[in-house]
Protein backbone atom coordinates (compact mmCIF):
# COMPACT_ATOMS: atom_id res chain seq x y z
CA MET A 1 -55.84 -32.96 -42.22
CA PRO A 2 -53.30 -35.70 -43.05
CA LEU A 3 -53.62 -37.72 -46.22
CA ARG A 4 -55.08 -41.18 -45.56
CA VAL A 5 -53.70 -44.08 -47.59
CA GLU A 6 -54.70 -46.96 -45.34
CA GLY A 7 -57.97 -47.44 -47.22
CA THR A 8 -56.43 -48.69 -50.46
CA PHE A 9 -57.27 -52.19 -51.57
CA ARG A 10 -53.70 -52.52 -52.80
CA LYS A 11 -52.46 -52.19 -49.21
CA ALA A 12 -55.10 -54.58 -47.89
CA LEU A 13 -54.12 -57.26 -50.38
CA ALA A 14 -50.43 -56.80 -49.64
CA GLU A 15 -50.97 -57.21 -45.90
CA ALA A 16 -53.56 -60.02 -46.00
CA ASP A 17 -52.58 -63.45 -44.69
CA ARG A 18 -55.57 -65.10 -46.42
CA PRO A 19 -57.79 -64.48 -49.45
CA LEU A 20 -60.23 -61.58 -49.06
CA ALA A 21 -63.93 -62.38 -49.48
CA GLY A 22 -66.43 -59.85 -50.71
CA MET A 23 -69.84 -59.27 -52.27
CA TRP A 24 -71.51 -57.13 -54.91
CA VAL A 25 -73.60 -54.13 -53.88
CA CYS A 26 -75.94 -53.52 -56.79
CA SER A 27 -79.22 -52.16 -55.40
CA GLY A 28 -78.21 -48.50 -55.52
CA SER A 29 -79.41 -48.12 -51.93
CA PRO A 30 -77.16 -46.56 -49.25
CA LEU A 31 -79.16 -48.46 -46.61
CA ILE A 32 -78.45 -51.81 -48.26
CA ALA A 33 -74.82 -50.81 -48.73
CA GLU A 34 -74.55 -50.06 -45.01
CA LEU A 35 -76.18 -53.39 -44.14
CA CYS A 36 -73.62 -55.18 -46.29
CA ALA A 37 -70.77 -53.12 -44.85
CA GLY A 38 -71.54 -54.45 -41.39
CA SER A 39 -71.59 -58.09 -42.50
CA GLY A 40 -68.01 -58.92 -41.54
CA LEU A 41 -66.92 -59.42 -45.15
CA ASP A 42 -63.56 -57.99 -46.22
CA TRP A 43 -64.71 -55.93 -49.19
CA LEU A 44 -67.65 -54.67 -51.19
CA LEU A 45 -67.99 -53.93 -54.89
CA VAL A 46 -70.38 -51.09 -55.66
CA ASP A 47 -71.33 -51.68 -59.28
CA ALA A 48 -72.30 -49.11 -61.88
CA GLU A 49 -71.90 -51.26 -64.99
CA HIS A 50 -75.00 -53.42 -64.60
CA SER A 51 -76.70 -51.62 -61.71
CA PRO A 52 -78.74 -48.41 -61.28
CA ASN A 53 -75.90 -46.34 -59.85
CA GLY A 54 -75.03 -42.79 -60.81
CA LEU A 55 -72.67 -40.30 -59.21
CA GLU A 56 -75.10 -39.26 -56.50
CA SER A 57 -75.96 -42.80 -55.39
CA ILE A 58 -72.31 -43.84 -55.40
CA LEU A 59 -71.47 -40.86 -53.20
CA ALA A 60 -74.26 -41.72 -50.78
CA GLN A 61 -73.08 -45.33 -50.57
CA LEU A 62 -69.48 -44.29 -49.95
CA GLN A 63 -70.71 -42.14 -47.08
CA ALA A 64 -72.85 -44.97 -45.68
CA ILE A 65 -70.02 -47.50 -45.84
CA HIS A 66 -67.30 -45.18 -44.54
CA GLY A 67 -67.76 -45.94 -40.85
CA TYR A 68 -67.29 -49.70 -41.25
CA PRO A 69 -64.06 -51.74 -41.39
CA VAL A 70 -64.55 -52.90 -44.96
CA HIS A 71 -62.78 -52.03 -48.21
CA THR A 72 -64.90 -50.60 -51.02
CA LEU A 73 -64.25 -50.98 -54.72
CA VAL A 74 -66.38 -49.22 -57.33
CA ARG A 75 -66.84 -50.42 -60.89
CA PRO A 76 -67.62 -47.76 -63.51
CA PRO A 77 -69.72 -48.77 -66.50
CA VAL A 78 -66.80 -48.29 -68.88
CA ASN A 79 -63.08 -47.56 -68.95
CA ASP A 80 -63.59 -43.84 -69.48
CA THR A 81 -61.25 -41.02 -68.44
CA VAL A 82 -64.04 -38.56 -67.61
CA LEU A 83 -66.03 -41.03 -65.52
CA ILE A 84 -62.94 -42.16 -63.64
CA LYS A 85 -62.08 -38.52 -62.89
CA GLN A 86 -65.56 -37.99 -61.46
CA TYR A 87 -65.40 -41.18 -59.39
CA LEU A 88 -62.02 -40.24 -57.92
CA ASP A 89 -63.20 -36.74 -57.07
CA LEU A 90 -66.19 -38.29 -55.24
CA GLY A 91 -63.73 -40.11 -53.02
CA VAL A 92 -63.56 -43.51 -54.69
CA GLN A 93 -60.18 -44.95 -53.75
CA ASN A 94 -60.38 -48.38 -55.33
CA LEU A 95 -61.45 -48.86 -58.94
CA LEU A 96 -62.41 -52.08 -60.71
CA VAL A 97 -62.23 -51.17 -64.39
CA PRO A 98 -64.30 -53.45 -66.65
CA MET A 99 -63.50 -54.92 -70.06
CA VAL A 100 -59.77 -54.23 -70.15
CA ASN A 101 -58.65 -56.23 -73.18
CA SER A 102 -55.16 -54.93 -73.95
CA VAL A 103 -52.07 -53.24 -72.61
CA ALA A 104 -53.21 -49.94 -74.15
CA GLU A 105 -56.54 -50.12 -72.34
CA ALA A 106 -54.83 -50.97 -69.05
CA GLU A 107 -52.46 -48.03 -69.51
CA ALA A 108 -55.43 -45.74 -70.23
CA ALA A 109 -57.14 -46.84 -67.00
CA VAL A 110 -54.03 -46.08 -64.97
CA ALA A 111 -53.44 -42.74 -66.73
CA ALA A 112 -57.00 -41.68 -65.84
CA THR A 113 -56.09 -41.96 -62.14
CA ARG A 114 -52.84 -39.95 -62.31
CA TYR A 115 -52.33 -36.22 -62.53
CA PRO A 116 -50.01 -34.86 -65.25
CA PRO A 117 -47.23 -35.47 -66.12
CA HIS A 118 -47.86 -39.10 -65.13
CA GLY A 119 -51.43 -39.25 -66.42
CA VAL A 120 -54.42 -37.27 -67.64
CA ARG A 121 -56.61 -36.82 -64.56
CA GLY A 122 -58.20 -33.38 -64.50
CA VAL A 123 -57.31 -31.18 -61.53
CA GLY A 124 -60.29 -30.15 -59.42
CA SER A 125 -59.20 -30.82 -55.87
CA ALA A 126 -60.68 -27.59 -54.53
CA LEU A 127 -64.11 -28.88 -55.58
CA ALA A 128 -63.66 -32.51 -54.62
CA ARG A 129 -64.49 -34.71 -51.66
CA ALA A 130 -61.35 -36.77 -52.39
CA ALA A 131 -59.15 -33.87 -51.27
CA ARG A 132 -61.63 -32.84 -48.58
CA TRP A 133 -62.06 -29.66 -50.62
CA ASN A 134 -58.33 -28.83 -50.37
CA ARG A 135 -58.20 -29.62 -46.67
CA VAL A 136 -55.57 -32.25 -47.51
CA PRO A 137 -52.59 -29.98 -48.27
CA ASP A 138 -50.45 -32.62 -49.99
CA TYR A 139 -53.23 -34.25 -51.97
CA LEU A 140 -52.10 -33.32 -55.48
CA ALA A 141 -48.56 -34.57 -54.87
CA ARG A 142 -49.64 -37.84 -53.27
CA ALA A 143 -53.06 -38.57 -54.74
CA SER A 144 -51.89 -41.69 -56.57
CA GLU A 145 -51.01 -43.24 -53.21
CA THR A 146 -54.68 -43.15 -52.26
CA VAL A 147 -55.90 -44.99 -55.37
CA SER A 148 -55.74 -48.64 -56.40
CA VAL A 149 -56.49 -49.87 -59.91
CA THR A 150 -57.79 -53.37 -60.53
CA VAL A 151 -58.54 -54.25 -64.15
CA GLN A 152 -61.07 -56.82 -65.21
CA ILE A 153 -60.07 -59.73 -67.46
CA GLU A 154 -63.24 -60.93 -69.15
CA SER A 155 -62.55 -61.74 -72.79
CA THR A 156 -60.41 -64.11 -74.81
CA ALA A 157 -58.31 -61.14 -75.95
CA ALA A 158 -57.67 -60.15 -72.34
CA VAL A 159 -56.70 -63.71 -71.38
CA GLU A 160 -54.26 -63.83 -74.29
CA ALA A 161 -52.73 -60.50 -73.19
CA VAL A 162 -52.90 -61.06 -69.44
CA GLU A 163 -49.15 -61.46 -68.91
CA ASP A 164 -48.49 -58.12 -70.59
CA ILE A 165 -51.41 -56.42 -68.84
CA LEU A 166 -49.94 -57.51 -65.51
CA LYS A 167 -46.69 -55.75 -66.42
CA VAL A 168 -48.38 -52.35 -66.75
CA ASP A 169 -47.10 -50.02 -64.06
CA GLY A 170 -50.03 -48.91 -61.92
CA VAL A 171 -52.14 -52.01 -62.45
CA ASP A 172 -52.35 -53.24 -58.88
CA ALA A 173 -54.42 -56.39 -59.47
CA ILE A 174 -56.54 -58.25 -61.99
CA PHE A 175 -60.05 -59.60 -61.54
CA VAL A 176 -61.42 -62.34 -63.77
CA GLY A 177 -65.10 -62.27 -64.78
CA PRO A 178 -66.15 -65.78 -65.89
CA SER A 179 -69.59 -64.67 -67.14
CA ASP A 180 -68.37 -62.36 -69.89
CA LEU A 181 -65.34 -64.55 -70.45
CA SER A 182 -67.53 -67.58 -71.16
CA ALA A 183 -69.59 -65.49 -73.60
CA SER A 184 -66.42 -64.33 -75.33
CA MET A 185 -65.38 -67.98 -75.69
CA GLY A 186 -68.68 -68.92 -77.36
CA LEU A 187 -69.91 -70.58 -74.18
CA LEU A 188 -72.57 -68.10 -73.04
CA GLY A 189 -73.88 -68.94 -69.57
CA GLN A 190 -71.40 -71.79 -69.10
CA GLN A 191 -69.11 -70.33 -66.45
CA GLU A 192 -68.34 -73.83 -65.16
CA HIS A 193 -67.22 -75.17 -68.54
CA PRO A 194 -63.76 -76.78 -68.34
CA GLU A 195 -62.37 -74.37 -70.95
CA VAL A 196 -63.61 -71.37 -68.99
CA ARG A 197 -62.13 -72.74 -65.77
CA ALA A 198 -58.84 -73.35 -67.54
CA ALA A 199 -58.77 -69.74 -68.77
CA VAL A 200 -59.45 -68.44 -65.26
CA GLU A 201 -56.72 -70.66 -63.83
CA HIS A 202 -54.32 -69.43 -66.51
CA CYS A 203 -54.93 -65.85 -65.36
CA LEU A 204 -54.47 -66.77 -61.70
CA ALA A 205 -51.17 -68.48 -62.51
CA ALA A 206 -50.01 -65.52 -64.59
CA ALA A 207 -50.73 -63.16 -61.71
CA GLN A 208 -48.84 -65.36 -59.27
CA ALA A 209 -45.84 -65.41 -61.63
CA ALA A 210 -45.99 -61.61 -61.93
CA GLY A 211 -46.26 -61.12 -58.18
CA LYS A 212 -49.60 -59.32 -58.41
CA PRO A 213 -52.92 -60.26 -56.78
CA ALA A 214 -55.71 -61.82 -58.78
CA GLY A 215 -59.39 -62.17 -57.97
CA VAL A 216 -62.39 -63.90 -59.48
CA ASN A 217 -66.18 -63.85 -59.34
CA ALA A 218 -67.65 -67.15 -58.11
CA PHE A 219 -71.10 -67.41 -56.53
CA ALA A 220 -71.19 -71.22 -56.42
CA PRO A 221 -69.46 -72.31 -53.20
CA ALA A 222 -67.67 -75.26 -54.80
CA THR A 223 -66.37 -73.04 -57.60
CA ALA A 224 -65.25 -70.39 -55.13
CA ARG A 225 -63.33 -72.98 -53.13
CA HIS A 226 -61.80 -74.33 -56.34
CA TYR A 227 -60.45 -70.92 -57.38
CA LEU A 228 -59.24 -70.14 -53.87
CA ALA A 229 -57.29 -73.40 -53.93
CA ALA A 230 -55.92 -72.37 -57.35
CA GLY A 231 -54.47 -69.21 -55.84
CA ALA A 232 -57.13 -66.49 -55.98
CA ASP A 233 -56.20 -63.67 -53.62
CA PHE A 234 -59.68 -62.15 -53.45
CA ILE A 235 -63.12 -63.29 -54.47
CA LEU A 236 -66.73 -62.16 -54.82
CA VAL A 237 -69.15 -64.76 -53.51
CA GLY A 238 -72.58 -63.10 -53.63
CA ALA A 239 -74.65 -60.01 -54.34
CA ASP A 240 -77.20 -58.04 -52.37
CA VAL A 241 -79.84 -58.33 -55.08
CA ALA A 242 -79.23 -62.06 -55.58
CA LEU A 243 -79.50 -62.73 -51.85
CA LEU A 244 -82.80 -60.84 -51.69
CA ALA A 245 -84.15 -62.57 -54.80
CA ARG A 246 -83.30 -66.09 -53.61
CA GLY A 247 -84.35 -65.36 -50.04
CA SER A 248 -87.76 -63.99 -51.03
CA GLU A 249 -88.30 -66.95 -53.38
CA ALA A 250 -87.54 -69.29 -50.49
CA LEU A 251 -90.20 -67.56 -48.38
CA ALA A 252 -92.75 -67.96 -51.16
CA ALA A 253 -91.85 -71.63 -51.57
CA GLU A 254 -92.21 -72.19 -47.84
CA TYR A 255 -95.53 -70.46 -47.24
CA ILE A 256 -97.47 -70.32 -50.52
CA GLN A 257 -98.91 -73.20 -52.49
CA THR A 258 -101.22 -73.13 -55.50
CA ALA A 259 -104.38 -75.22 -55.86
CA ASP A 260 -102.39 -78.09 -57.39
CA GLY A 261 -99.96 -78.09 -54.49
CA GLU A 262 -97.16 -76.49 -56.46
CA THR A 263 -95.31 -73.42 -55.30
CA PRO A 264 -95.65 -70.30 -57.47
CA ALA A 265 -92.86 -69.60 -59.89
CA SER A 266 -90.93 -66.42 -59.27
CA TYR A 267 -91.56 -63.58 -61.69
């Protein structure tokens, strides 16, 4: 069985002639993941930092998504060598590593995806879906070709270090998270604040100067268009759980009224 490298997000970004649009997959459901995979979007982010996803549910979602022409990134809950090893062995090819605040943390994320002597990834290919249980004969030698590493910039420390983080060999892209970034700046919940926008734009410009792709999270359409115009190469514009929440609230507002004529508030 030949080694497949065409699934890497790194390759998709390099070959894209437009920004790539994606959405969060947070429900933990393989069925919902498959529904999203068939949407026509370019990429999905299966989240395990703020969502009820463990190893088994991530595996099931990878299997559900596999038959669709969409790129899948997975975010672990923490930049942890053991967790990253487990994710890679499951068959995760594209990692979005959260809360990377320094060069050392970026280097640790990359090292977790590389076998020695280039990193610290544990060797278990005979037991792992990633190597098709050793049915990929050249997997150990070429495993790094099948993996992309995107690190998340979401603190003032990370913004200050972003130029150096971008220089780390093996960091394929950065992704800016305005929610945590705004909190780090003392502006909790104010993702649209001019200072937050300026910090995001600084990161996008730094990535352009370094020749590496940069992405950003932006659910508000006007904000998404703003960051795309500022040079974002990929973007997240929605989430499965948010779409279901807002959609079900819209149904309630349309069809249910209380005695005083008001619509019920969502729980």
